[in-house]
Amino acid sequence: MPRESEPISTAPSPTDAPAPRAESRAWASGPSGIHAISLDDAVRLYRERAGPGVKGEGSEVVWIDIVRPGEPEAAFMRETLKLHPLAVEDCIRGRQRPKVDRYPGYFFLVLYAARRTPGTTETSLDEVHIFLGARFVVTVHDRKIQEVGEVVARWRSAPGRFPDTGALAHALLDGIVDGYFPVLDSFSERVEEMEDALLSGADDPDAMQEMLAVRRELTVFRRVVAPERDLVATVLRRDIPFLRPELLPYFQDVHDHVLRVTEEIDALRELLAAAVEAYLSSASNRLNATMRIMTSWSIILMAVAWIAGIYGMNFAGMPELRWKYGYLWALGAMISLGGGLFVFFRRRRWI
């Protein structure tokens, strides 16, 4: 699986750039609304009312967001938040398949956010880890995720719409899945451009490499999206006990969106496969036409050479036979003709 923020289309990056520092933020709900709090206050509230295994009723939710985690953050999650070491290891190592794992008192979700790099055709996949408990949410990712910031902003502006962690989980999944559609539009535009270029008859030697590159990117994208169907299906089977039944239709809508994305990816891959076959067929036809032309000229020159071979071109009336520079002229003509034909064929990419 792709690592967090690993681009589907890899671009060179400087190796001497300093690594960004980790960041941790926290928010908590209360009678007066949603407020940003310090990490120390978040840990205190987490231990009192939201940690794994903590009993009790209540609607207060604590959200801790960790960006670019390292070993100190891993120790914080293991020792302070008491999250399972295997889940913490998945957060640090990355390259996880989208999944949902059950642990005592909470669930661990892995999914990917997709984004387009502005000004380019590159698409990056950002791995997002979510620890979801009855009254806490912990998100871990390698770079700032736009969908996380949007959900936090919506939560703070309208707390009544997100009364529990189930509503926040739906908002996160829905935002991430909806972010796939602009990426699909980008792929669709690229496929249409390649189809138009193919139908126009343009002889582009890089067309095949571009088609195969787009198809490979779509394959990687599908490897990320397809397992997320099972992730959302787990929620729909009511395997997460603290999700309210009223949320099931909303998760069903997310599941439908994932299915739609998967189907559109498959359709684009089929279009590319057909485009590749059409390109190969067109190239084969052009090659056949070229071979016909070369065969025709070979027959013409062979007929002329046949007559010259029989008579030997040794007629007494040939003025070049007694010309002082006739031999050098003949060698120059052969070299010039051969070189000219070589340049012509190379420009036409026949050799």
Foldseek 3Di string as FASTA:
>chain_A
DDFFQQWLDDDDDDPPDDDDDKDKWKWKQDPVFIDTDDPVVLLVCCVQDNAFPDDDDDQMAMEMEMEQDDPVVLCCCCPRRVDDNVLSVCLHVPPDAFDWADDRQWIKTKAWAWDADPPDLMITIWIWIWTGGFHYIYIYTHHDDPQVVVLVVVCRVCVVQDRTRLSSVLSSLQSRLVNVVVNLVSLVVVLVVLLVCVVVVDDDPCSLVVLVSSLSSLVVVLSRLVVVLVVLVCVLVCVPPSRDPVCNVSSVVSSVSSVVSNVSSVVSNVSSVVSNVSNVVSVVVVVVVVVVVVVVVVVVVVVVVVVCVVVVPPDPPDVLVPDPCSVVVVVVVVVVVVVVVVVVCVVVVVD
